Amino acid sequence: MPIPFCFFRFQTPDQAEWLSSAGVVQRGALAELAAQATGARLVLVAPGEAITLHRVPLPSRKRSTWARAVPYALEDQVVEDIETLHFALGSAPEDDHLPVAVINRDTLRGWLDACTAAGLVPAAIIPEPLLLPWQEGDWSVLLEERRVVARTGRWDGFASERDLLDLLLNQTTAEAGAARPQRLRVWGHPPPALAEADLELRLEDSAPEPLQVFASAYQPAAVINLLQGAYSPQAHWGRWLRPWRVAAALAGVWLLVQGFSLAYEHWSLRREQTALRAAMEQVYKEAVPGATRIVNPRVQLETRLRELRPTSASGGAFLELLHRGGQALTGFTEVTLGGFNYRDGQLDLDLEGGNPALLDQLQQKLSQQPGLQIEMRTTQREGQLQSKVTLKRTPS
């Protein structure tokens, strides 16, 4: 007879809710859970807000190098120092990409310490977005009272405050491009904005119990277990090898050889990382003219974009002008955008290339847009035309 699973998640540091063997959700102290879950395989459902999910290009064909290479591959995509983070890998790559879940080590250790104090030993800790049902062409959304959990791919998803659902779904859908979903499967009462979205909406349950949804969709091959590496139950097997000293010595020699090989691979990865960082800095300098101090170009560019993000109705002029200017440039392949600057409701586009006739056509196309003031100045430098286009809203 297979060992039953018991799914649980924290409500407070010493309180939890869990799914009993009868399929009923119960709530209480961790010690009460320990008394009821004897003989079951415990699965801790990890809150999605504490975890980020990534898909990393396969570092190499050697599986033994993945755990060492992945942190460096994600170094520029995480805010915290990689030494403070735990990287859990998917069981197998998909389309030459490796799924990875990232969590702060102190957060994970806090969960395990709370479990140990209550006599609980989790067999797995799974990010909750990966416990939602998923199939090709569908996205799944679980709505709770104040928060939302979404699964937007086999290895993708997020959790956030419920008020941010519309924004995050729009952003994720835009990033998905041709891979955008055909249908949204929803557990809970969808907000009006979600119901009005340009997607087929399928209401699975208007009053769901999240743990029942997670348990019903659990597929070990389609999740990432955070209990890996130093947090794996097998991490303490080393003490059982002490009687095998001769074998260990031979293994040590072999590991030394492997170490030199890994050191060379590490050196190669660092060189590649340095080259990539230099390329990112160049992109940042082109996107933000005048930048002098560059520490982390990705984070700095995100900060710059957040500064430009509209905070009121009047602040939306930037995105509107950028969108309308970009639309007009579509089709003018001989004209390239060298940079842009926005200040006080005015967007300046720096263009290069083209010819006088082509630039006249571009000016006419921009002028045909209602509610838009434009000004174009063109100069010739080193045999190439350089133009500066100023866009403003027409005063109402």
Protein backbone atom coordinates (compact mmCIF):
# COMPACT_ATOMS: atom_id res chain seq x y z
CA MET A 1 0.00 0.00 0.00
CA PRO A 2 1.53 3.37 -1.00
CA ILE A 3 2.46 5.82 1.76
CA PRO A 4 -0.09 8.67 1.89
CA PHE A 5 0.90 12.30 1.44
CA CYS A 6 0.04 15.04 3.92
CA PHE A 7 0.12 18.56 2.48
CA PHE A 8 0.52 21.46 4.91
CA ARG A 9 1.53 25.12 4.95
CA PHE A 10 2.35 27.67 7.64
CA GLN A 11 -0.17 30.26 8.81
CA THR A 12 2.09 31.64 11.57
CA PRO A 13 5.54 30.44 12.73
CA ASP A 14 3.92 27.84 15.00
CA GLN A 15 0.50 27.39 13.40
CA ALA A 16 -0.39 25.54 10.21
CA GLU A 17 -3.21 24.21 8.08
CA TRP A 18 -3.06 20.69 6.67
CA LEU A 19 -5.03 18.22 4.60
CA SER A 20 -6.05 15.21 6.65
CA SER A 21 -6.14 11.67 5.29
CA ALA A 22 -9.90 12.12 4.88
CA GLY A 23 -9.34 15.09 2.56
CA VAL A 24 -10.52 17.66 5.13
CA VAL A 25 -8.54 20.84 5.81
CA GLN A 26 -7.64 21.29 9.48
CA ARG A 27 -5.92 24.12 11.29
CA GLY A 28 -3.94 24.19 14.52
CA ALA A 29 -0.50 24.04 16.13
CA LEU A 30 2.40 22.27 14.43
CA ALA A 31 2.53 19.81 17.33
CA GLU A 32 -1.07 18.81 16.59
CA LEU A 33 -0.14 18.20 12.95
CA ALA A 34 2.81 16.03 14.06
CA ALA A 35 0.47 13.88 16.14
CA GLN A 36 -1.94 13.34 13.24
CA ALA A 37 0.55 12.88 10.39
CA THR A 38 2.33 9.80 11.74
CA GLY A 39 3.33 7.50 8.85
CA ALA A 40 2.54 10.05 6.12
CA ARG A 41 4.96 11.72 3.71
CA LEU A 42 4.85 15.40 4.63
CA VAL A 43 4.82 17.94 1.80
CA LEU A 44 5.33 21.55 2.88
CA VAL A 45 3.67 24.01 0.49
CA ALA A 46 6.07 26.97 0.25
CA PRO A 47 4.55 30.44 -0.27
CA GLY A 48 5.27 31.71 -3.76
CA GLU A 49 6.13 35.22 -2.52
CA ALA A 50 9.34 33.83 -0.96
CA ILE A 51 10.48 32.07 -4.14
CA THR A 52 11.40 33.11 -7.67
CA LEU A 53 11.21 30.69 -10.59
CA HIS A 54 13.67 30.82 -13.48
CA ARG A 55 14.58 28.89 -16.62
CA VAL A 56 18.34 28.94 -17.21
CA PRO A 57 20.09 27.96 -20.46
CA LEU A 58 21.75 24.60 -19.82
CA PRO A 59 25.20 25.48 -18.36
CA SER A 60 26.85 22.35 -19.80
CA ARG A 61 26.14 18.75 -20.69
CA LYS A 62 27.68 17.56 -17.42
CA ARG A 63 24.99 17.31 -14.78
CA SER A 64 27.66 17.35 -12.06
CA THR A 65 28.46 21.00 -12.89
CA TRP A 66 24.92 22.37 -12.88
CA ALA A 67 24.64 23.07 -9.16
CA ARG A 68 27.88 25.10 -9.25
CA ALA A 69 27.20 26.92 -12.51
CA VAL A 70 23.54 27.91 -12.00
CA PRO A 71 24.16 30.52 -9.23
CA TYR A 72 26.61 32.38 -11.47
CA ALA A 73 24.22 32.16 -14.43
CA LEU A 74 21.51 33.82 -12.30
CA GLU A 75 23.77 36.28 -10.45
CA ASP A 76 22.53 39.26 -12.47
CA GLN A 77 18.87 38.23 -12.20
CA VAL A 78 18.64 38.19 -8.41
CA VAL A 79 18.86 41.15 -6.05
CA GLU A 80 20.46 39.38 -3.07
CA ASP A 81 24.02 38.04 -2.88
CA ILE A 82 24.12 34.52 -4.33
CA GLU A 83 25.90 33.31 -1.19
CA THR A 84 22.70 33.99 0.80
CA LEU A 85 20.49 32.10 -1.65
CA HIS A 86 19.61 28.43 -2.19
CA PHE A 87 19.21 27.25 -5.78
CA ALA A 88 17.00 24.17 -6.31
CA LEU A 89 17.17 22.55 -9.74
CA GLY A 90 14.47 20.76 -11.73
CA SER A 91 14.89 17.04 -12.23
CA ALA A 92 15.54 17.34 -15.99
CA PRO A 93 16.14 20.09 -18.58
CA GLU A 94 13.46 21.09 -21.06
CA ASP A 95 14.23 22.68 -24.44
CA ASP A 96 17.89 23.10 -23.39
CA HIS A 97 16.79 25.11 -20.35
CA LEU A 98 16.99 24.06 -16.72
CA PRO A 99 14.16 25.05 -14.34
CA VAL A 100 15.42 26.60 -11.10
CA ALA A 101 13.72 27.78 -7.90
CA VAL A 102 15.56 30.38 -5.78
CA ILE A 103 14.93 31.08 -2.09
CA ASN A 104 16.78 32.84 0.73
CA ARG A 105 18.72 30.32 2.85
CA ASP A 106 17.60 31.88 6.15
CA THR A 107 13.94 31.64 5.12
CA LEU A 108 14.27 27.96 4.21
CA ARG A 109 16.26 27.21 7.38
CA GLY A 110 13.56 28.95 9.46
CA TRP A 111 10.88 26.66 8.03
CA LEU A 112 12.98 23.54 8.70
CA ASP A 113 13.83 24.65 12.26
CA ALA A 114 10.14 25.20 13.02
CA CYS A 115 9.34 21.74 11.68
CA THR A 116 12.15 20.13 13.66
CA ALA A 117 11.00 21.80 16.88
CA ALA A 118 7.52 20.30 16.36
CA GLY A 119 8.83 16.83 15.41
CA LEU A 120 8.00 17.19 11.71
CA VAL A 121 10.30 15.95 8.94
CA PRO A 122 9.13 17.16 5.49
CA ALA A 123 9.86 14.81 2.61
CA ALA A 124 9.51 17.71 0.16
CA ILE A 125 9.09 21.49 0.11
CA ILE A 126 7.35 22.59 -3.09
CA PRO A 127 6.69 26.17 -4.36
CA GLU A 128 2.93 26.58 -4.44
CA PRO A 129 2.72 27.93 -8.05
CA LEU A 130 4.04 24.56 -9.28
CA LEU A 131 1.30 22.72 -7.35
CA LEU A 132 -1.52 24.27 -9.39
CA PRO A 133 -2.96 22.20 -12.26
CA TRP A 134 -1.39 22.96 -15.64
CA GLN A 135 -1.64 21.78 -19.21
CA GLU A 136 -0.45 23.20 -22.54
CA GLY A 137 -2.44 26.30 -23.56
CA ASP A 138 -3.88 26.89 -20.06
CA TRP A 139 -2.87 29.14 -17.17
CA SER A 140 -4.19 28.49 -13.68
CA VAL A 141 -5.14 31.14 -11.10
CA LEU A 142 -6.03 30.45 -7.46
CA LEU A 143 -7.70 33.39 -5.72
CA GLU A 144 -7.67 33.61 -1.94
CA GLU A 145 -9.09 36.40 0.21
CA ARG A 146 -6.05 38.69 0.03
CA ARG A 147 -3.59 36.93 -2.26
CA VAL A 148 -3.35 35.11 -5.57
CA VAL A 149 -1.27 32.19 -6.83
CA ALA A 150 -0.80 31.70 -10.60
CA ARG A 151 0.87 29.08 -12.74
CA THR A 152 1.81 30.42 -16.17
CA GLY A 153 3.81 27.51 -17.53
CA ARG A 154 5.18 24.10 -16.73
CA TRP A 155 7.94 25.71 -14.65
CA ASP A 156 6.64 29.29 -14.31
CA GLY A 157 4.32 31.10 -11.93
CA PHE A 158 4.06 33.71 -9.20
CA ALA A 159 2.20 34.66 -6.02
CA SER A 160 1.32 38.17 -4.92
CA GLU A 161 -1.27 40.41 -3.34
CA ARG A 162 -4.64 40.04 -4.99
CA ASP A 163 -4.77 43.71 -6.02
CA LEU A 164 -1.75 43.17 -8.31
CA LEU A 165 -3.28 40.29 -10.27
CA ASP A 166 -4.46 42.34 -13.25
CA LEU A 167 -1.10 44.12 -13.62
CA LEU A 168 0.99 40.94 -13.29
CA LEU A 169 -1.20 38.94 -15.67
CA ASN A 170 -1.05 41.68 -18.31
CA GLN A 171 2.72 41.88 -17.97
CA THR A 172 3.19 38.10 -18.09
CA THR A 173 0.85 37.77 -21.07
CA ALA A 174 2.74 40.47 -22.96
CA GLU A 175 6.05 38.75 -22.24
CA ALA A 176 4.65 35.38 -23.36
CA GLY A 177 4.05 36.65 -26.90
CA ALA A 178 2.90 33.79 -29.13
CA ALA A 179 2.89 31.49 -26.10
CA ARG A 180 0.07 33.44 -24.42
CA PRO A 181 -2.64 31.16 -23.02
CA GLN A 182 -5.85 30.21 -24.73
CA ARG A 183 -7.72 29.82 -21.45
CA LEU A 184 -7.56 30.84 -17.80
CA ARG A 185 -8.64 28.24 -15.25
CA VAL A 186 -9.76 30.02 -12.09
CA TRP A 187 -10.35 28.79 -8.56
CA GLY A 188 -12.21 31.44 -6.56
CA HIS A 189 -14.30 34.48 -7.51
CA PRO A 190 -12.57 36.30 -10.41
CA PRO A 191 -12.43 40.12 -10.22
CA PRO A 192 -14.27 42.06 -12.97
CA ALA A 193 -11.00 42.96 -14.73
CA LEU A 194 -10.12 39.28 -15.05
CA ALA A 195 -13.56 38.37 -16.30
CA GLU A 196 -13.28 41.06 -18.99
CA ALA A 197 -9.87 39.89 -20.20
CA ASP A 198 -9.47 38.79 -23.81
CA LEU A 199 -9.15 35.14 -22.73
CA GLU A 200 -11.50 32.24 -22.30
CA LEU A 201 -12.34 32.01 -18.59
CA ARG A 202 -13.18 28.71 -16.93
CA LEU A 203 -14.35 28.83 -13.32
CA GLU A 204 -13.29 25.57 -11.64
CA ASP A 205 -14.47 26.27 -8.07
CA SER A 206 -15.91 29.45 -6.58
CA ALA A 207 -14.91 28.58 -2.99
CA PRO A 208 -11.81 26.38 -3.16
CA GLU A 209 -9.66 25.00 -0.38
CA PRO A 210 -6.11 25.68 -1.66
CA LEU A 211 -4.59 22.56 -0.10
CA GLN A 212 -7.20 20.36 -1.80
CA VAL A 213 -6.36 21.98 -5.15
CA PHE A 214 -2.61 21.51 -4.58
CA ALA A 215 -2.98 17.87 -3.53
CA SER A 216 -5.22 16.97 -6.47
CA ALA A 217 -2.72 18.35 -9.00
CA TYR A 218 0.51 17.08 -7.38
CA GLN A 219 2.82 15.45 -9.94
CA PRO A 220 6.33 14.74 -8.58
CA ALA A 221 7.89 14.99 -12.06
CA ALA A 222 6.46 18.49 -12.62
CA VAL A 223 7.62 20.19 -9.42
CA ILE A 224 10.90 21.37 -7.89
CA ASN A 225 11.71 20.07 -4.41
CA LEU A 226 13.63 22.69 -2.44
CA LEU A 227 15.22 19.98 -0.27
CA GLN A 228 18.39 19.65 -2.30
CA GLY A 229 22.10 19.96 -1.66
CA ALA A 230 22.79 20.92 1.95
CA TYR A 231 19.09 20.61 2.76
CA SER A 232 18.64 17.12 1.32
CA PRO A 233 17.91 14.27 3.77
CA GLN A 234 20.81 12.45 2.10
CA ALA A 235 23.27 15.24 2.98
CA HIS A 236 24.39 13.38 6.13
CA TRP A 237 25.31 10.13 4.45
CA GLY A 238 28.99 11.08 4.69
CA ARG A 239 29.32 9.76 8.24
CA TRP A 240 28.38 6.27 7.03
CA LEU A 241 31.44 6.27 4.73
CA ARG A 242 34.01 6.46 7.55
CA PRO A 243 34.70 2.68 7.63
CA TRP A 244 35.50 2.84 3.92
CA ARG A 245 38.70 4.88 4.29
CA VAL A 246 40.67 3.20 1.52
CA ALA A 247 37.83 3.63 -0.93
CA ALA A 248 37.45 7.22 0.23
CA ALA A 249 41.14 7.89 -0.42
CA LEU A 250 40.84 6.62 -3.98
CA ALA A 251 37.70 8.65 -4.42
CA GLY A 252 39.61 11.67 -3.12
CA VAL A 253 42.23 11.31 -5.86
CA TRP A 254 39.50 11.09 -8.45
CA LEU A 255 37.75 14.12 -6.98
CA LEU A 256 41.03 16.05 -7.10
CA VAL A 257 41.24 15.44 -10.83
CA GLN A 258 37.61 16.44 -11.18
CA GLY A 259 38.33 19.51 -9.09
CA PHE A 260 40.93 20.75 -11.54
CA SER A 261 38.47 20.17 -14.35
CA LEU A 262 35.74 22.06 -12.50
CA ALA A 263 38.15 24.87 -11.62
CA TYR A 264 38.93 25.29 -15.31
CA GLU A 265 35.21 25.28 -16.15
CA HIS A 266 34.60 27.79 -13.37
CA TRP A 267 37.35 30.02 -14.74
CA SER A 268 35.82 29.75 -18.21
CA LEU A 269 32.38 30.60 -16.83
CA ARG A 270 33.78 33.63 -15.01
CA ARG A 271 35.43 34.84 -18.19
CA GLU A 272 32.16 34.46 -20.07
CA GLN A 273 30.33 36.21 -17.24
CA THR A 274 32.81 39.10 -17.39
CA ALA A 275 32.24 39.42 -21.14
CA LEU A 276 28.47 39.35 -20.68
CA ARG A 277 28.68 41.98 -17.96
CA ALA A 278 30.72 44.23 -20.23
CA ALA A 279 28.09 43.82 -22.94
CA MET A 280 25.31 44.64 -20.45
CA GLU A 281 27.16 47.77 -19.35
CA GLN A 282 27.44 48.88 -22.97
CA VAL A 283 23.70 48.34 -23.48
CA TYR A 284 23.02 50.35 -20.32
CA LYS A 285 25.24 53.22 -21.49
CA GLU A 286 23.38 53.30 -24.82
CA ALA A 287 19.98 53.20 -23.10
CA VAL A 288 20.93 55.80 -20.44
CA PRO A 289 23.24 58.39 -22.06
CA GLY A 290 25.45 60.17 -19.56
CA ALA A 291 25.58 57.29 -17.06
CA THR A 292 28.92 57.24 -15.25
CA ARG A 293 28.71 54.88 -12.27
CA ILE A 294 27.57 51.37 -13.24
CA VAL A 295 27.44 48.74 -10.48
CA ASN A 296 24.69 46.37 -11.61
CA PRO A 297 23.37 47.41 -15.03
CA ARG A 298 20.28 45.18 -14.88
CA VAL A 299 19.14 46.46 -11.48
CA GLN A 300 20.02 50.04 -12.37
CA LEU A 301 18.01 49.85 -15.61
CA GLU A 302 15.02 48.41 -13.72
CA THR A 303 15.31 51.27 -11.23
CA ARG A 304 15.43 53.76 -14.10
CA LEU A 305 12.29 52.23 -15.63
CA ARG A 306 10.49 52.37 -12.27
CA GLU A 307 11.34 56.06 -12.06
CA LEU A 308 9.79 56.56 -15.48
CA ARG A 309 6.70 54.49 -14.61
CA PRO A 310 3.66 56.76 -14.35
CA THR A 311 2.43 57.44 -10.80
CA SER A 312 -0.63 59.47 -11.82
CA ALA A 313 -2.87 60.08 -14.80
CA SER A 314 -0.60 62.89 -16.05
CA GLY A 315 2.48 60.68 -15.72
CA GLY A 316 1.15 58.36 -18.41
CA ALA A 317 2.44 60.73 -21.08
CA PHE A 318 5.82 58.99 -21.24
CA LEU A 319 4.47 55.55 -22.12
CA GLU A 320 1.92 57.03 -24.53
CA LEU A 321 4.52 59.10 -26.39
CA LEU A 322 6.99 56.21 -26.47
CA HIS A 323 4.31 53.88 -27.84
CA ARG A 324 3.13 56.32 -30.53
CA GLY A 325 6.67 57.19 -31.57
CA GLY A 326 7.61 53.50 -31.76
CA GLN A 327 4.54 52.73 -33.89
CA ALA A 328 5.50 55.41 -36.37
CA LEU A 329 9.05 54.04 -36.68
CA THR A 330 7.74 50.59 -37.64
CA GLY A 331 8.51 49.95 -41.27
CA PHE A 332 11.35 52.50 -41.52
CA THR A 333 14.11 49.92 -41.38
CA GLU A 334 16.77 52.34 -42.62
CA VAL A 335 16.20 54.61 -39.61
CA THR A 336 17.57 53.42 -36.25
CA LEU A 337 16.82 54.67 -32.73
CA GLY A 338 20.06 55.74 -31.05
CA GLY A 339 18.49 56.77 -27.73
CA PHE A 340 15.67 58.74 -26.10
CA ASN A 341 15.09 61.18 -23.26
CA TYR A 342 11.88 62.15 -21.44
CA ARG A 343 11.33 65.19 -19.28
CA ASP A 344 8.35 67.38 -18.36
CA GLY A 345 5.94 65.80 -20.83
CA GLN A 346 8.40 65.91 -23.76
CA LEU A 347 9.96 62.86 -25.40
CA ASP A 348 13.10 63.34 -27.53
CA LEU A 349 14.05 60.56 -29.95
CA ASP A 350 17.59 60.44 -31.39
CA LEU A 351 17.47 58.87 -34.88
CA GLU A 352 20.23 57.87 -37.26
CA GLY A 353 20.23 56.98 -40.96
CA GLY A 354 17.69 57.30 -43.75
CA ASN A 355 17.50 59.98 -46.41
CA PRO A 356 15.63 63.30 -46.71
CA ALA A 357 12.67 61.74 -48.55
CA LEU A 358 12.35 58.94 -46.04
CA LEU A 359 12.56 61.32 -43.10
CA ASP A 360 9.83 63.49 -44.69
CA GLN A 361 7.62 60.38 -44.84
CA LEU A 362 8.32 59.66 -41.18
CA GLN A 363 7.48 63.25 -40.22
CA GLN A 364 4.21 63.04 -42.16
CA LYS A 365 3.31 59.76 -40.46
CA LEU A 366 3.92 61.27 -37.04
CA SER A 367 1.98 64.44 -37.94
CA GLN A 368 -1.07 62.36 -38.93
CA GLN A 369 -1.49 61.12 -35.34
CA PRO A 370 -4.19 63.16 -33.55
CA GLY A 371 -3.31 65.00 -30.35
CA LEU A 372 0.42 64.93 -31.05
CA GLN A 373 2.83 67.83 -31.58
CA ILE A 374 6.09 67.00 -33.35
CA GLU A 375 9.27 68.81 -34.21
CA MET A 376 12.07 67.29 -36.32
CA ARG A 377 15.56 68.65 -36.75
CA THR A 378 18.01 66.90 -39.11
CA THR A 379 21.76 67.37 -39.46
CA GLN A 380 24.45 65.56 -41.40
CA ARG A 381 27.53 64.26 -39.67
CA GLU A 382 30.29 62.19 -41.28
CA GLY A 383 28.08 61.45 -44.27
CA GLN A 384 25.14 60.19 -42.19
CA LEU A 385 21.88 61.94 -41.38
CA GLN A 386 21.12 62.44 -37.70
CA SER A 387 17.68 63.57 -36.60
CA LYS A 388 16.14 64.64 -33.32
CA VAL A 389 12.36 64.26 -33.06
CA THR A 390 10.50 65.98 -30.22
CA LEU A 391 7.04 64.63 -29.30
CA LYS A 392 4.48 66.37 -27.06
CA ARG A 393 0.82 66.02 -26.36
CA THR A 394 -1.39 68.69 -27.92
CA PRO A 395 -2.75 70.91 -25.12
CA SER A 396 -6.41 70.08 -24.52
